Amino acid sequence: MPPLDANGLSFNENWWIQHFNYFKEQGYMMRPRYRPGWKPSYDPEQVLEEVDAEDGQEMIHTDVMDALRMSDSLVVAIKRVKTGEARIATLFSDNTHNRNPRNHCVRLLEVLPVPNEDDLKFLVMVWMRPIMDPRFRTIGEGVQFFKAMIEGLQYMHDSNVAHRDCSLNNVAMDANSMYTRPYHPIEPKKRYDWYGRALHHSCTRRPPRYCFIDFGHSRIYDPTESRPLEYALKSGGYTPPEGLEGIPCDPFATDVFLLGNLIRTSFLDGDPRLHKPSVSGFEFLRPLVTDMIADEPSERPTMDEVSTRFFEIVERLSWWKLRSRAIRNSEVPLFKPFRALYHIFWTASMLVLLKPAIPRPKE
């Protein structure tokens, strides 16, 4: 463990504190813990115990800081990145891409220079949370997520960009529309002000947005030249077959595998490494996902083909199937009848409110 100062702050935390005034001038206010002169409201020597204090919540990543945009109290993420990653993230946030509904890459609020660091940039974006947190309530809510991911990766490929790391770690949910009050970025079950629980609506009633994030390994290719082969990377704990063989491959085919594996391990089969259960109700995607994760890259469908097949599958789903419960296979059987009964009444309320079975976020 790196050495801490007298207040229990690490070297990386102090690096961000040194930029407090810079961010304030740009219109962003960091939490009390990361303001000059901060003193903890708790005993910093309680390193073995979870600190139940707002100012005891440490940053989640050395390169990511949370802050409030002072103009409207929006919680944002400020990410320190290399200039190359900033280039791709900025590409999908320009006016042309930003207006395209098929673009599901995270949209930057702005890009700031890092003082005295020419090879680094600060990317400012809305603070997001993991998908399925809150969990999907219906099959239709899951379909909204799949649609965004398939459409988004297809759009990246149409723009001659390979993500190359599109695992569960690198997709996120902008859930601000779901919450009645802002949630805390480090302890998301609590409100930002640390007073009480952060209450939220369902994905059906207040649809979130799903985005690809983290473009550190992404590549932009010249459309006038043949796309070069790339060595596949380990992503989300999984290495594609071509990566295990050490054989360079079309990066678009590797992207297809990674997205298919995301759906397989997060929904169809679960992920035993992370003790994540599967979710019942999505078997209609099994044939498509099986083709996406084929061992031989040349046998995998392109994202255009994946998109066409996906929308054909979804068109055949009944409204009742889409509104049925997405049940985690770890659910206690005793509770299922009661949850099923509640779900019927909840579904009736969504029908009265005219909420579509596949949620549609506001543009």
Protein backbone atom coordinates (compact mmCIF):
# COMPACT_ATOMS: atom_id res chain seq x y z
CA MET A 1 0.00 0.00 0.00
CA PRO A 2 1.45 3.44 -0.94
CA PRO A 3 2.27 5.77 1.98
CA LEU A 4 -0.48 8.10 3.20
CA ASP A 5 -0.16 11.58 4.64
CA ALA A 6 -1.35 12.64 8.10
CA ASN A 7 -4.95 12.97 6.84
CA GLY A 8 -4.95 9.55 5.22
CA LEU A 9 -4.60 10.88 1.66
CA SER A 10 -2.55 9.09 -0.97
CA PHE A 11 -0.07 10.64 -3.40
CA ASN A 12 -2.63 10.42 -6.23
CA GLU A 13 -5.31 12.09 -4.12
CA ASN A 14 -2.96 14.94 -3.33
CA TRP A 15 -2.19 15.30 -7.05
CA TRP A 16 -5.87 16.02 -7.68
CA ILE A 17 -6.07 18.39 -4.71
CA GLN A 18 -3.30 20.43 -6.30
CA HIS A 19 -5.66 21.00 -9.24
CA PHE A 20 -8.64 22.06 -7.11
CA ASN A 21 -8.37 25.76 -7.94
CA TYR A 22 -7.91 24.97 -11.63
CA PHE A 23 -11.14 22.95 -11.74
CA LYS A 24 -12.98 25.58 -9.72
CA GLU A 25 -11.98 28.21 -12.28
CA GLN A 26 -13.36 25.92 -14.99
CA GLY A 27 -16.69 25.63 -13.13
CA TYR A 28 -16.26 22.31 -11.29
CA MET A 29 -16.29 21.81 -7.51
CA MET A 30 -14.64 18.73 -6.02
CA ARG A 31 -15.93 17.08 -2.83
CA PRO A 32 -14.72 18.35 0.58
CA ARG A 33 -12.15 15.55 0.83
CA TYR A 34 -10.35 16.95 -2.19
CA ARG A 35 -10.27 20.61 -1.21
CA PRO A 36 -7.09 22.28 0.10
CA GLY A 37 -6.91 22.33 3.89
CA TRP A 38 -9.38 19.47 4.37
CA LYS A 39 -9.33 17.74 7.76
CA PRO A 40 -11.16 14.40 8.16
CA SER A 41 -14.30 14.25 10.26
CA TYR A 42 -13.24 10.76 11.38
CA ASP A 43 -10.12 9.09 12.73
CA PRO A 44 -7.85 8.48 9.68
CA GLU A 45 -6.13 5.63 11.52
CA GLN A 46 -9.28 3.50 11.19
CA VAL A 47 -7.87 2.00 8.01
CA LEU A 48 -9.30 -1.46 8.70
CA GLU A 49 -12.86 -0.24 9.09
CA GLU A 50 -15.26 1.15 6.53
CA VAL A 51 -15.63 4.85 7.18
CA ASP A 52 -19.29 5.89 7.38
CA ALA A 53 -18.66 9.53 6.55
CA GLU A 54 -19.05 11.37 3.26
CA ASP A 55 -15.54 12.78 3.40
CA GLY A 56 -14.19 9.27 4.01
CA GLN A 57 -15.14 8.09 0.50
CA GLU A 58 -12.01 7.75 -1.59
CA MET A 59 -11.82 8.18 -5.36
CA ILE A 60 -12.55 4.94 -7.24
CA HIS A 61 -9.66 5.21 -9.71
CA THR A 62 -6.40 7.14 -9.69
CA ASP A 63 -7.26 8.72 -13.07
CA VAL A 64 -10.91 9.58 -12.39
CA MET A 65 -12.21 12.35 -10.12
CA ASP A 66 -15.83 13.21 -9.42
CA ALA A 67 -17.05 16.80 -9.11
CA LEU A 68 -20.16 18.98 -9.32
CA ARG A 69 -20.68 21.30 -12.26
CA MET A 70 -21.32 24.52 -10.40
CA SER A 71 -23.75 25.94 -12.95
CA ASP A 72 -26.38 23.22 -12.45
CA SER A 73 -25.06 20.77 -9.77
CA LEU A 74 -24.62 17.98 -12.34
CA VAL A 75 -22.29 15.24 -11.04
CA VAL A 76 -19.47 14.78 -13.54
CA ALA A 77 -16.44 12.56 -13.99
CA ILE A 78 -13.12 14.16 -14.81
CA LYS A 79 -10.80 11.60 -16.37
CA ARG A 80 -7.08 12.08 -16.90
CA VAL A 81 -6.10 10.43 -20.20
CA LYS A 82 -3.39 10.33 -22.82
CA THR A 83 -3.94 12.59 -25.81
CA GLY A 84 -4.64 9.59 -28.09
CA GLU A 85 -7.64 8.47 -26.04
CA ALA A 86 -8.90 12.05 -25.97
CA ARG A 87 -8.80 12.14 -29.77
CA ILE A 88 -11.22 9.20 -30.18
CA ALA A 89 -13.54 10.30 -27.38
CA THR A 90 -13.66 13.78 -28.89
CA LEU A 91 -14.39 12.36 -32.35
CA PHE A 92 -17.68 10.86 -31.19
CA SER A 93 -18.65 14.03 -29.31
CA ASP A 94 -18.41 16.45 -32.23
CA ASN A 95 -21.54 18.01 -33.71
CA THR A 96 -21.88 15.49 -36.54
CA HIS A 97 -21.64 12.36 -34.39
CA ASN A 98 -23.39 13.87 -31.39
CA ARG A 99 -26.65 14.30 -33.31
CA ASN A 100 -26.70 10.72 -34.59
CA PRO A 101 -29.04 8.51 -32.49
CA ARG A 102 -26.93 5.44 -33.36
CA ASN A 103 -23.93 6.93 -31.59
CA HIS A 104 -23.70 5.34 -28.14
CA CYS A 105 -20.20 6.45 -27.22
CA VAL A 106 -19.94 8.56 -24.09
CA ARG A 107 -20.45 12.21 -24.94
CA LEU A 108 -17.93 14.64 -23.54
CA LEU A 109 -19.03 17.87 -21.90
CA GLU A 110 -15.63 19.37 -22.60
CA VAL A 111 -11.92 18.60 -22.89
CA LEU A 112 -9.49 20.53 -20.69
CA PRO A 113 -5.70 20.73 -20.90
CA VAL A 114 -3.71 19.37 -17.97
CA PRO A 115 -1.51 22.20 -16.68
CA ASN A 116 2.17 21.56 -17.46
CA GLU A 117 1.40 18.15 -19.03
CA ASP A 118 1.28 18.42 -22.82
CA ASP A 119 0.64 14.70 -23.38
CA LEU A 120 -2.38 14.56 -21.04
CA LYS A 121 -5.96 15.83 -21.20
CA PHE A 122 -8.92 16.01 -18.83
CA LEU A 123 -12.12 14.54 -20.27
CA VAL A 124 -15.25 15.87 -18.55
CA MET A 125 -18.39 13.74 -18.87
CA VAL A 126 -21.54 12.89 -16.97
CA TRP A 127 -20.89 10.56 -14.03
CA MET A 128 -22.18 7.08 -14.90
CA ARG A 129 -22.71 3.80 -13.09
CA PRO A 130 -22.49 0.09 -13.95
CA ILE A 131 -25.23 -1.40 -16.09
CA MET A 132 -27.84 -3.38 -14.12
CA ASP A 133 -27.35 -1.11 -11.13
CA PRO A 134 -30.28 -0.73 -10.62
CA ARG A 135 -31.08 -4.14 -12.09
CA PHE A 136 -33.20 -4.69 -15.17
CA ARG A 137 -36.80 -5.35 -14.17
CA THR A 138 -38.06 -6.61 -17.55
CA ILE A 139 -36.86 -8.36 -20.69
CA GLY A 140 -37.62 -5.15 -22.60
CA GLU A 141 -35.23 -3.19 -20.38
CA GLY A 142 -32.51 -5.68 -21.26
CA VAL A 143 -33.37 -5.38 -24.94
CA GLN A 144 -32.86 -1.61 -24.69
CA PHE A 145 -29.32 -2.25 -23.43
CA PHE A 146 -28.54 -4.80 -26.17
CA LYS A 147 -29.90 -2.41 -28.80
CA ALA A 148 -27.66 0.40 -27.60
CA MET A 149 -24.56 -1.79 -27.52
CA ILE A 150 -25.15 -3.41 -30.91
CA GLU A 151 -26.14 -0.14 -32.55
CA GLY A 152 -23.25 1.69 -30.90
CA LEU A 153 -20.54 -0.78 -31.89
CA GLN A 154 -21.94 -0.94 -35.43
CA TYR A 155 -21.73 2.86 -35.56
CA MET A 156 -18.12 2.80 -34.37
CA HIS A 157 -17.23 0.29 -37.09
CA ASP A 158 -19.07 2.37 -39.70
CA SER A 159 -16.84 5.25 -38.54
CA ASN A 160 -13.73 3.06 -39.05
CA VAL A 161 -13.02 2.78 -35.33
CA ALA A 162 -12.42 -0.43 -33.37
CA HIS A 163 -13.01 -0.27 -29.63
CA ARG A 164 -10.81 -3.35 -28.91
CA ASP A 165 -11.79 -3.45 -25.22
CA CYS A 166 -15.61 -3.50 -25.23
CA SER A 167 -16.16 -5.74 -22.22
CA LEU A 168 -18.51 -5.15 -19.30
CA ASN A 169 -15.84 -2.96 -17.68
CA ASN A 170 -16.09 -0.46 -20.52
CA VAL A 171 -19.82 0.06 -20.89
CA ALA A 172 -21.75 2.25 -18.47
CA MET A 173 -25.16 3.72 -17.73
CA ASP A 174 -26.13 7.36 -17.47
CA ALA A 175 -28.89 6.86 -14.89
CA ASN A 176 -29.47 10.47 -13.87
CA SER A 177 -32.96 10.45 -15.39
CA MET A 178 -33.94 7.62 -13.03
CA TYR A 179 -33.07 9.38 -9.79
CA THR A 180 -35.25 11.83 -7.91
CA ARG A 181 -32.13 13.36 -6.33
CA PRO A 182 -28.45 12.96 -7.28
CA TYR A 183 -26.76 9.86 -5.92
CA HIS A 184 -23.28 9.78 -4.39
CA PRO A 185 -20.64 8.72 -6.96
CA ILE A 186 -18.70 6.50 -4.56
CA GLU A 187 -21.58 5.21 -2.42
CA PRO A 188 -24.36 5.20 -5.04
CA LYS A 189 -27.04 3.80 -2.74
CA LYS A 190 -26.89 7.09 -0.83
CA ARG A 191 -27.81 10.60 -1.89
CA TYR A 192 -25.06 12.95 -2.91
CA ASP A 193 -25.60 15.03 0.24
CA TRP A 194 -25.28 11.82 2.33
CA TYR A 195 -28.76 12.28 3.84
CA GLY A 196 -30.77 9.13 3.22
CA ARG A 197 -31.02 6.63 0.39
CA ALA A 198 -30.92 7.58 -3.26
CA LEU A 199 -34.40 6.73 -4.56
CA HIS A 200 -34.93 5.87 -8.21
CA HIS A 201 -37.56 4.95 -10.79
CA SER A 202 -37.35 1.87 -13.01
CA CYS A 203 -35.60 1.80 -16.39
CA THR A 204 -39.06 1.52 -18.00
CA ARG A 205 -40.45 4.64 -16.37
CA ARG A 206 -37.33 6.81 -16.66
CA PRO A 207 -35.08 5.20 -19.29
CA PRO A 208 -31.32 5.61 -18.82
CA ARG A 209 -28.69 5.82 -21.55
CA TYR A 210 -26.03 3.17 -22.17
CA CYS A 211 -22.61 4.14 -23.49
CA PHE A 212 -19.26 2.75 -24.50
CA ILE A 213 -16.48 4.31 -22.45
CA ASP A 214 -12.67 4.07 -22.17
CA PHE A 215 -11.05 4.34 -25.59
CA GLY A 216 -7.47 3.84 -24.43
CA HIS A 217 -6.98 0.81 -26.71
CA SER A 218 -9.21 1.99 -29.56
CA ARG A 219 -7.91 2.56 -33.08
CA ILE A 220 -9.02 4.78 -35.95
CA TYR A 221 -8.37 3.35 -39.42
CA ASP A 222 -7.99 4.99 -42.79
CA PRO A 223 -11.00 3.94 -44.90
CA THR A 224 -8.93 4.21 -48.09
CA GLU A 225 -6.50 1.52 -46.93
CA SER A 226 -6.84 -2.12 -45.90
CA ARG A 227 -7.53 -2.45 -42.21
CA PRO A 228 -4.40 -3.78 -40.47
CA LEU A 229 -4.55 -6.87 -38.31
CA GLU A 230 -4.21 -6.37 -34.54
CA TYR A 231 -3.28 -8.61 -31.64
CA ALA A 232 -6.34 -9.16 -29.43
CA LEU A 233 -6.24 -7.90 -25.86
CA LYS A 234 -7.50 -9.46 -22.67
CA SER A 235 -10.72 -7.62 -21.90
CA GLY A 236 -12.91 -7.93 -18.83
CA GLY A 237 -10.97 -10.99 -17.69
CA TYR A 238 -11.44 -12.84 -21.01
CA THR A 239 -9.03 -13.27 -23.90
CA PRO A 240 -10.51 -13.93 -27.37
CA PRO A 241 -9.39 -17.19 -29.05
CA GLU A 242 -7.10 -15.32 -31.44
CA GLY A 243 -5.45 -13.68 -28.45
CA LEU A 244 -4.81 -17.05 -26.82
CA GLU A 245 -3.23 -18.24 -30.07
CA GLY A 246 -1.18 -15.06 -30.43
CA ILE A 247 -2.46 -14.55 -33.98
CA PRO A 248 -3.18 -11.03 -35.28
CA CYS A 249 -6.76 -10.63 -36.42
CA ASP A 250 -9.25 -8.17 -37.88
CA PRO A 251 -9.99 -5.92 -34.85
CA PHE A 252 -13.64 -5.60 -35.89
CA ALA A 253 -14.05 -9.38 -35.58
CA THR A 254 -12.48 -9.23 -32.11
CA ASP A 255 -14.97 -6.50 -31.14
CA VAL A 256 -17.81 -8.80 -32.20
CA PHE A 257 -16.45 -11.56 -29.96
CA LEU A 258 -16.07 -9.24 -26.97
CA LEU A 259 -19.62 -7.90 -27.27
CA GLY A 260 -21.03 -11.40 -27.69
CA ASN A 261 -19.05 -12.59 -24.68
CA LEU A 262 -20.39 -9.65 -22.65
CA ILE A 263 -23.97 -10.76 -23.38
CA ARG A 264 -23.12 -14.40 -22.66
CA THR A 265 -21.40 -13.82 -19.31
CA SER A 266 -23.73 -11.08 -18.06
CA PHE A 267 -27.05 -12.63 -19.07
CA LEU A 268 -27.12 -16.06 -20.73
CA ASP A 269 -24.63 -18.05 -18.66
CA GLY A 270 -23.52 -15.74 -15.88
CA ASP A 271 -19.90 -15.28 -14.86
CA PRO A 272 -18.69 -17.84 -12.29
CA ARG A 273 -15.40 -15.96 -11.88
CA LEU A 274 -17.30 -13.00 -10.43
CA HIS A 275 -20.09 -15.10 -8.89
CA LYS A 276 -22.59 -13.38 -11.18
CA PRO A 277 -25.73 -15.41 -11.90
CA SER A 278 -27.38 -15.71 -15.28
CA VAL A 279 -30.67 -13.96 -16.03
CA SER A 280 -33.65 -15.96 -17.28
CA GLY A 281 -35.63 -14.86 -20.32
CA PHE A 282 -32.92 -13.98 -22.83
CA GLU A 283 -32.42 -17.37 -24.50
CA PHE A 284 -33.79 -15.93 -27.75
CA LEU A 285 -30.33 -14.36 -28.19
CA ARG A 286 -28.43 -17.65 -27.81
CA PRO A 287 -28.03 -18.50 -31.55
CA LEU A 288 -26.80 -14.99 -32.37
CA VAL A 289 -24.39 -14.87 -29.44
CA THR A 290 -23.04 -18.34 -30.28
CA ASP A 291 -22.12 -17.08 -33.76
CA MET A 292 -20.59 -13.89 -32.33
CA ILE A 293 -18.20 -15.84 -30.10
CA ALA A 294 -17.12 -18.39 -32.71
CA ASP A 295 -13.50 -19.47 -32.25
CA GLU A 296 -12.65 -18.68 -35.86
CA PRO A 297 -12.82 -14.89 -36.40
CA SER A 298 -13.78 -15.23 -40.05
CA GLU A 299 -16.89 -17.20 -39.04
CA ARG A 300 -18.24 -14.43 -36.85
CA PRO A 301 -20.89 -12.11 -38.32
CA THR A 302 -20.04 -8.48 -38.95
CA MET A 303 -21.73 -5.86 -36.82
CA ASP A 304 -24.03 -5.05 -39.75
CA GLU A 305 -25.13 -8.69 -39.78
CA VAL A 306 -25.44 -8.77 -35.99
CA SER A 307 -27.64 -5.67 -36.09
CA THR A 308 -29.90 -7.06 -38.81
CA ARG A 309 -30.37 -10.38 -37.03
CA PHE A 310 -30.94 -8.72 -33.67
CA PHE A 311 -33.72 -6.47 -34.89
CA GLU A 312 -35.35 -9.39 -36.71
CA ILE A 313 -35.32 -11.36 -33.44
CA VAL A 314 -36.77 -8.46 -31.44
CA GLU A 315 -39.59 -7.93 -33.95
CA ARG A 316 -40.78 -11.47 -33.27
CA LEU A 317 -41.02 -10.97 -29.50
CA SER A 318 -44.50 -10.45 -28.09
CA TRP A 319 -45.36 -7.48 -25.92
CA TRP A 320 -45.93 -9.80 -22.98
CA LYS A 321 -42.49 -11.37 -23.40
CA LEU A 322 -40.90 -7.92 -23.41
CA ARG A 323 -42.81 -6.90 -20.28
CA SER A 324 -42.11 -10.16 -18.43
CA ARG A 325 -39.71 -10.28 -15.50
CA ALA A 326 -35.96 -10.58 -15.99
CA ILE A 327 -35.25 -13.09 -13.23
CA ARG A 328 -31.75 -13.59 -11.84
CA ASN A 329 -31.18 -17.30 -11.32
CA SER A 330 -29.86 -16.62 -7.83
CA GLU A 331 -33.30 -15.41 -6.75
CA VAL A 332 -34.71 -17.21 -3.71
CA PRO A 333 -37.57 -19.46 -4.97
CA LEU A 334 -39.75 -18.59 -1.97
CA PHE A 335 -39.92 -14.95 -3.09
CA LYS A 336 -40.74 -15.61 -6.75
CA PRO A 337 -44.56 -15.88 -6.43
CA PHE A 338 -44.78 -12.63 -4.48
CA ARG A 339 -42.51 -10.80 -6.90
CA ALA A 340 -44.47 -12.19 -9.84
CA LEU A 341 -47.72 -10.88 -8.36
CA TYR A 342 -46.21 -7.47 -7.69
CA HIS A 343 -44.86 -7.41 -11.23
CA ILE A 344 -48.35 -7.83 -12.66
CA PHE A 345 -49.59 -4.73 -10.82
CA TRP A 346 -46.45 -2.80 -11.71
CA THR A 347 -46.85 -3.73 -15.39
CA ALA A 348 -50.44 -2.51 -15.31
CA SER A 349 -49.24 0.84 -13.98
CA MET A 350 -46.69 1.12 -16.82
CA LEU A 351 -49.43 0.40 -19.37
CA VAL A 352 -51.62 3.11 -17.84
CA LEU A 353 -48.68 5.53 -18.11
CA LEU A 354 -48.21 4.47 -21.78
CA LYS A 355 -44.60 3.43 -21.19
CA PRO A 356 -43.29 1.31 -24.09
CA ALA A 357 -42.13 -2.26 -23.45
CA ILE A 358 -38.67 -1.37 -24.82
CA PRO A 359 -37.75 1.88 -23.07
CA ARG A 360 -36.84 4.85 -25.23
CA PRO A 361 -34.67 7.52 -23.55
CA LYS A 362 -35.30 11.14 -24.43
CA GLU A 363 -33.00 12.57 -27.06
